[in-house]
Amino acid sequence: MRPVLRVKAMKSSIGTRTPAFSLPDQSNHPVSLKDFSGKWLVLYFYPKDDTPGCTIEARDFTGFREQFHKMGAAIAGVSPDSPQNHAKFCQKYELGITLLCDEKREVLEKFGAWGLKQNYGKESMGVLRTTYLIDPQGRIAEVWRNVKADGHAQAVMEKLKELQGTK
């Protein structure tokens, strides 16, 4: 019998407090949840820099960055890549969003974004593409699991508009 890996993930129900975190960004500067206090935060977890789906998602969030900013929202992507990889990714695609490095996968696990994946019939541990919309009080306002990259940034923006009553 094959062992099953279990990851202790946070209870991600809407209205619960977001767990604290601090991770280096693409410039190797520490970024913490408290840095976004009083703002909405789009916190999205993605597998790897410079791969097709991850590039679509990062470019789409960059494209909507100004609209999110006008709505009082910041955007931060999290992957296990290094600050150097994030910096290259940002430069290559002129990304204007914050990318956080979770090389030890501690925050990925805490948010339930690390787990067993199936790809072409093979099982392996990896990043589960997940997005959290966090309100200005640090509570989870919405969760998207098994995200499809194309069109996701638009869907998050529409939900933020709905929550703010501007839709």
C-alpha atoms as a PDB file:
ATOM      1  CA  MET A   1       0.000   0.000   0.000  1.00  0.00           C
ATOM      2  CA  ARG A   2       1.333   3.392  -0.998  1.00  0.00           C
ATOM      3  CA  PRO A   3       1.597   6.076   1.743  1.00  0.00           C
ATOM      4  CA  VAL A   4      -0.625   9.101   1.404  1.00  0.00           C
ATOM      5  CA  LEU A   5       0.934  12.485   2.032  1.00  0.00           C
ATOM      6  CA  ARG A   6      -1.274  14.746   4.067  1.00  0.00           C
ATOM      7  CA  VAL A   7      -0.882  18.484   4.262  1.00  0.00           C
ATOM      8  CA  LYS A   8      -2.320  20.440   7.162  1.00  0.00           C
ATOM      9  CA  ALA A   9      -4.112  23.290   5.432  1.00  0.00           C
ATOM     10  CA  MET A  10      -5.936  26.241   6.876  1.00  0.00           C
ATOM     11  CA  LYS A  11      -9.682  26.221   7.042  1.00  0.00           C
ATOM     12  CA  SER A  12     -10.332  28.359   4.011  1.00  0.00           C
ATOM     13  CA  SER A  13     -13.947  29.225   4.495  1.00  0.00           C
ATOM     14  CA  ILE A  14     -15.180  32.663   3.670  1.00  0.00           C
ATOM     15  CA  GLY A  15     -15.065  34.990   6.641  1.00  0.00           C
ATOM     16  CA  THR A  16     -12.143  33.323   8.425  1.00  0.00           C
ATOM     17  CA  ARG A  17      -9.027  35.269   9.334  1.00  0.00           C
ATOM     18  CA  THR A  18      -6.150  34.915   6.894  1.00  0.00           C
ATOM     19  CA  PRO A  19      -3.032  33.372   8.450  1.00  0.00           C
ATOM     20  CA  ALA A  20      -0.048  35.650   8.794  1.00  0.00           C
ATOM     21  CA  PHE A  21       2.867  35.184   6.420  1.00  0.00           C
ATOM     22  CA  SER A  22       6.119  36.837   5.395  1.00  0.00           C
ATOM     23  CA  LEU A  23       7.942  35.945   2.184  1.00  0.00           C
ATOM     24  CA  PRO A  24      10.615  37.575   0.015  1.00  0.00           C
ATOM     25  CA  ASP A  25       9.461  39.224  -3.204  1.00  0.00           C
ATOM     26  CA  GLN A  26      11.184  39.309  -6.601  1.00  0.00           C
ATOM     27  CA  SER A  27      13.627  41.915  -5.251  1.00  0.00           C
ATOM     28  CA  ASN A  28      14.302  39.744  -2.170  1.00  0.00           C
ATOM     29  CA  HIS A  29      12.509  42.238   0.111  1.00  0.00           C
ATOM     30  CA  PRO A  30      10.272  40.764   2.829  1.00  0.00           C
ATOM     31  CA  VAL A  31       6.525  41.162   2.259  1.00  0.00           C
ATOM     32  CA  SER A  32       4.006  40.317   4.982  1.00  0.00           C
ATOM     33  CA  LEU A  33       0.239  40.083   5.192  1.00  0.00           C
ATOM     34  CA  LYS A  34       0.302  43.110   7.506  1.00  0.00           C
ATOM     35  CA  ASP A  35       1.777  45.175   4.639  1.00  0.00           C
ATOM     36  CA  PHE A  36      -1.655  44.954   2.985  1.00  0.00           C
ATOM     37  CA  SER A  37      -3.649  45.946   6.066  1.00  0.00           C
ATOM     38  CA  GLY A  38      -6.571  48.176   5.112  1.00  0.00           C
ATOM     39  CA  LYS A  39      -6.472  47.036   1.454  1.00  0.00           C
ATOM     40  CA  TRP A  40      -8.041  44.259  -0.505  1.00  0.00           C
ATOM     41  CA  LEU A  41      -5.509  41.611  -1.505  1.00  0.00           C
ATOM     42  CA  VAL A  42      -5.627  39.180  -4.400  1.00  0.00           C
ATOM     43  CA  LEU A  43      -3.300  36.393  -3.237  1.00  0.00           C
ATOM     44  CA  TYR A  44      -2.850  33.812  -5.955  1.00  0.00           C
ATOM     45  CA  PHE A  45      -0.789  30.641  -5.894  1.00  0.00           C
ATOM     46  CA  TYR A  46       0.730  29.321  -9.107  1.00  0.00           C
ATOM     47  CA  PRO A  47       3.103  26.459  -9.997  1.00  0.00           C
ATOM     48  CA  LYS A  48       6.086  27.928 -11.858  1.00  0.00           C
ATOM     49  CA  ASP A  49       7.412  31.082 -13.463  1.00  0.00           C
ATOM     50  CA  ASP A  50       7.536  31.324 -17.255  1.00  0.00           C
ATOM     51  CA  THR A  51       5.236  28.390 -17.997  1.00  0.00           C
ATOM     52  CA  PRO A  52       2.230  28.869 -20.301  1.00  0.00           C
ATOM     53  CA  GLY A  53      -0.630  29.005 -17.774  1.00  0.00           C
ATOM     54  CA  CYS A  54       1.354  30.893 -15.169  1.00  0.00           C
ATOM     55  CA  THR A  55       2.449  33.462 -17.744  1.00  0.00           C
ATOM     56  CA  ILE A  56      -1.147  34.011 -18.881  1.00  0.00           C
ATOM     57  CA  GLU A  57      -2.283  34.510 -15.293  1.00  0.00           C
ATOM     58  CA  ALA A  58       0.551  36.905 -14.360  1.00  0.00           C
ATOM     59  CA  ARG A  59       0.137  38.956 -17.541  1.00  0.00           C
ATOM     60  CA  ASP A  60      -3.642  39.152 -17.054  1.00  0.00           C
ATOM     61  CA  PHE A  61      -3.279  40.338 -13.455  1.00  0.00           C
ATOM     62  CA  THR A  62      -0.699  42.883 -14.643  1.00  0.00           C
ATOM     63  CA  GLY A  63      -3.138  44.059 -17.325  1.00  0.00           C
ATOM     64  CA  PHE A  64      -5.830  44.676 -14.709  1.00  0.00           C
ATOM     65  CA  ARG A  65      -3.412  46.101 -12.128  1.00  0.00           C
ATOM     66  CA  GLU A  66      -4.593  49.706 -12.472  1.00  0.00           C
ATOM     67  CA  GLN A  67      -8.259  48.734 -12.175  1.00  0.00           C
ATOM     68  CA  PHE A  68      -7.519  46.667  -9.064  1.00  0.00           C
ATOM     69  CA  HIS A  69      -5.498  49.570  -7.654  1.00  0.00           C
ATOM     70  CA  LYS A  70      -8.411  51.997  -8.198  1.00  0.00           C
ATOM     71  CA  MET A  71     -10.589  49.538  -6.273  1.00  0.00           C
ATOM     72  CA  GLY A  72      -8.137  49.544  -3.347  1.00  0.00           C
ATOM     73  CA  ALA A  73      -6.687  46.112  -4.116  1.00  0.00           C
ATOM     74  CA  ALA A  74      -3.132  44.826  -4.329  1.00  0.00           C
ATOM     75  CA  ILE A  75      -2.074  41.687  -6.201  1.00  0.00           C
ATOM     76  CA  ALA A  76       0.515  39.153  -5.063  1.00  0.00           C
ATOM     77  CA  GLY A  77       1.391  35.851  -6.703  1.00  0.00           C
ATOM     78  CA  VAL A  78       3.109  33.053  -4.769  1.00  0.00           C
ATOM     79  CA  SER A  79       5.147  30.143  -6.123  1.00  0.00           C
ATOM     80  CA  PRO A  80       8.082  28.017  -4.953  1.00  0.00           C
ATOM     81  CA  ASP A  81      10.424  29.808  -7.382  1.00  0.00           C
ATOM     82  CA  SER A  82      13.397  31.848  -6.133  1.00  0.00           C
ATOM     83  CA  PRO A  83      13.603  35.654  -6.050  1.00  0.00           C
ATOM     84  CA  GLN A  84      16.017  35.477  -8.997  1.00  0.00           C
ATOM     85  CA  ASN A  85      13.555  33.446 -11.094  1.00  0.00           C
ATOM     86  CA  HIS A  86      10.754  35.847 -10.183  1.00  0.00           C
ATOM     87  CA  ALA A  87      12.911  38.836 -11.166  1.00  0.00           C
ATOM     88  CA  LYS A  88      13.696  37.294 -14.571  1.00  0.00           C
ATOM     89  CA  PHE A  89      10.020  36.425 -15.102  1.00  0.00           C
ATOM     90  CA  CYS A  90       8.955  39.971 -14.220  1.00  0.00           C
ATOM     91  CA  GLN A  91      11.547  41.500 -16.508  1.00  0.00           C
ATOM     92  CA  LYS A  92      10.824  39.186 -19.449  1.00  0.00           C
ATOM     93  CA  TYR A  93       7.079  39.941 -19.461  1.00  0.00           C
ATOM     94  CA  GLU A  94       7.183  43.450 -17.914  1.00  0.00           C
ATOM     95  CA  LEU A  95       5.029  42.260 -15.021  1.00  0.00           C
ATOM     96  CA  GLY A  96       3.857  44.945 -12.658  1.00  0.00           C
ATOM     97  CA  ILE A  97       2.702  42.782  -9.771  1.00  0.00           C
ATOM     98  CA  THR A  98       4.367  41.459  -6.648  1.00  0.00           C
ATOM     99  CA  LEU A  99       5.636  37.884  -6.826  1.00  0.00           C
ATOM    100  CA  LEU A 100       6.433  36.139  -3.559  1.00  0.00           C
ATOM    101  CA  CYS A 101       8.890  33.281  -3.105  1.00  0.00           C
ATOM    102  CA  ASP A 102       7.889  30.285  -1.011  1.00  0.00           C
ATOM    103  CA  GLU A 103      10.816  27.964  -1.690  1.00  0.00           C
ATOM    104  CA  LYS A 104      10.105  25.926   1.469  1.00  0.00           C
ATOM    105  CA  ARG A 105       6.386  25.679   0.536  1.00  0.00           C
ATOM    106  CA  GLU A 106       5.323  26.667   4.067  1.00  0.00           C
ATOM    107  CA  VAL A 107       2.790  29.302   2.973  1.00  0.00           C
ATOM    108  CA  LEU A 108       1.601  27.137   0.074  1.00  0.00           C
ATOM    109  CA  GLU A 109       0.847  24.383   2.580  1.00  0.00           C
ATOM    110  CA  LYS A 110      -0.733  26.777   5.073  1.00  0.00           C
ATOM    111  CA  PHE A 111      -3.175  27.974   2.415  1.00  0.00           C
ATOM    112  CA  GLY A 112      -3.929  24.506   1.069  1.00  0.00           C
ATOM    113  CA  ALA A 113      -2.253  25.304  -2.245  1.00  0.00           C
ATOM    114  CA  TRP A 114       0.223  22.414  -2.077  1.00  0.00           C
ATOM    115  CA  GLY A 115      -1.027  18.881  -2.521  1.00  0.00           C
ATOM    116  CA  LEU A 116      -1.458  15.809  -4.645  1.00  0.00           C
ATOM    117  CA  LYS A 117      -1.981  16.570  -8.332  1.00  0.00           C
ATOM    118  CA  GLN A 118      -2.788  14.383 -11.291  1.00  0.00           C
ATOM    119  CA  ASN A 119      -1.296  15.178 -14.677  1.00  0.00           C
ATOM    120  CA  TYR A 120      -1.651  12.810 -17.633  1.00  0.00           C
ATOM    121  CA  GLY A 121      -2.487   9.982 -15.250  1.00  0.00           C
ATOM    122  CA  LYS A 122       0.552  10.524 -13.015  1.00  0.00           C
ATOM    123  CA  GLU A 123       0.264  11.639  -9.404  1.00  0.00           C
ATOM    124  CA  SER A 124       2.759  14.004  -7.818  1.00  0.00           C
ATOM    125  CA  MET A 125       2.908  16.681  -5.160  1.00  0.00           C
ATOM    126  CA  GLY A 126       2.756  20.221  -6.482  1.00  0.00           C
ATOM    127  CA  VAL A 127       1.147  23.642  -6.412  1.00  0.00           C
ATOM    128  CA  LEU A 128      -2.631  23.608  -6.672  1.00  0.00           C
ATOM    129  CA  ARG A 129      -3.567  26.765  -8.577  1.00  0.00           C
ATOM    130  CA  THR A 130      -5.631  28.647  -5.984  1.00  0.00           C
ATOM    131  CA  THR A 131      -6.642  32.280  -5.413  1.00  0.00           C
ATOM    132  CA  TYR A 132      -7.788  34.039  -2.261  1.00  0.00           C
ATOM    133  CA  LEU A 133      -9.489  37.418  -2.190  1.00  0.00           C
ATOM    134  CA  ILE A 134      -8.742  38.923   1.215  1.00  0.00           C
ATOM    135  CA  ASP A 135     -10.710  41.881   2.553  1.00  0.00           C
ATOM    136  CA  PRO A 136      -9.188  44.996   4.181  1.00  0.00           C
ATOM    137  CA  GLN A 137      -9.745  43.478   7.647  1.00  0.00           C
ATOM    138  CA  GLY A 138      -7.660  40.406   6.748  1.00  0.00           C
ATOM    139  CA  ARG A 139     -10.562  37.989   6.305  1.00  0.00           C
ATOM    140  CA  ILE A 140     -11.121  35.665   3.377  1.00  0.00           C
ATOM    141  CA  ALA A 141     -13.807  37.104   1.122  1.00  0.00           C
ATOM    142  CA  GLU A 142     -13.630  34.499  -1.686  1.00  0.00           C
ATOM    143  CA  VAL A 143     -11.654  31.392  -2.675  1.00  0.00           C
ATOM    144  CA  TRP A 144     -11.075  29.911  -6.131  1.00  0.00           C
ATOM    145  CA  ARG A 145      -9.650  26.389  -6.356  1.00  0.00           C
ATOM    146  CA  ASN A 146      -8.501  24.504  -9.464  1.00  0.00           C
ATOM    147  CA  VAL A 147      -8.157  27.807 -11.274  1.00  0.00           C
ATOM    148  CA  LYS A 148      -7.971  27.933 -15.054  1.00  0.00           C
ATOM    149  CA  ALA A 149      -5.579  30.766 -15.884  1.00  0.00           C
ATOM    150  CA  ASP A 150      -7.329  32.211 -18.926  1.00  0.00           C
ATOM    151  CA  GLY A 151      -9.933  34.757 -17.815  1.00  0.00           C
ATOM    152  CA  HIS A 152      -9.274  34.276 -14.099  1.00  0.00           C
ATOM    153  CA  ALA A 153      -8.075  37.848 -13.400  1.00  0.00           C
ATOM    154  CA  GLN A 154     -11.294  39.190 -14.929  1.00  0.00           C
ATOM    155  CA  ALA A 155     -13.381  36.847 -12.750  1.00  0.00           C
ATOM    156  CA  VAL A 156     -11.567  38.015  -9.610  1.00  0.00           C
ATOM    157  CA  MET A 157     -12.139  41.645 -10.553  1.00  0.00           C
ATOM    158  CA  GLU A 158     -15.843  41.010 -11.150  1.00  0.00           C
ATOM    159  CA  LYS A 159     -16.142  39.384  -7.720  1.00  0.00           C
ATOM    160  CA  LEU A 160     -14.347  42.322  -6.096  1.00  0.00           C
ATOM    161  CA  LYS A 161     -16.764  44.731  -7.792  1.00  0.00           C
ATOM    162  CA  GLU A 162     -19.676  42.656  -6.521  1.00  0.00           C
ATOM    163  CA  LEU A 163     -18.321  42.609  -2.953  1.00  0.00           C
ATOM    164  CA  GLN A 164     -17.729  46.363  -3.050  1.00  0.00           C
ATOM    165  CA  GLY A 165     -21.205  46.964  -4.458  1.00  0.00           C
ATOM    166  CA  THR A 166     -19.910  48.616  -7.631  1.00  0.00           C
ATOM    167  CA  LYS A 167     -21.098  45.985 -10.089  1.00  0.00           C
END
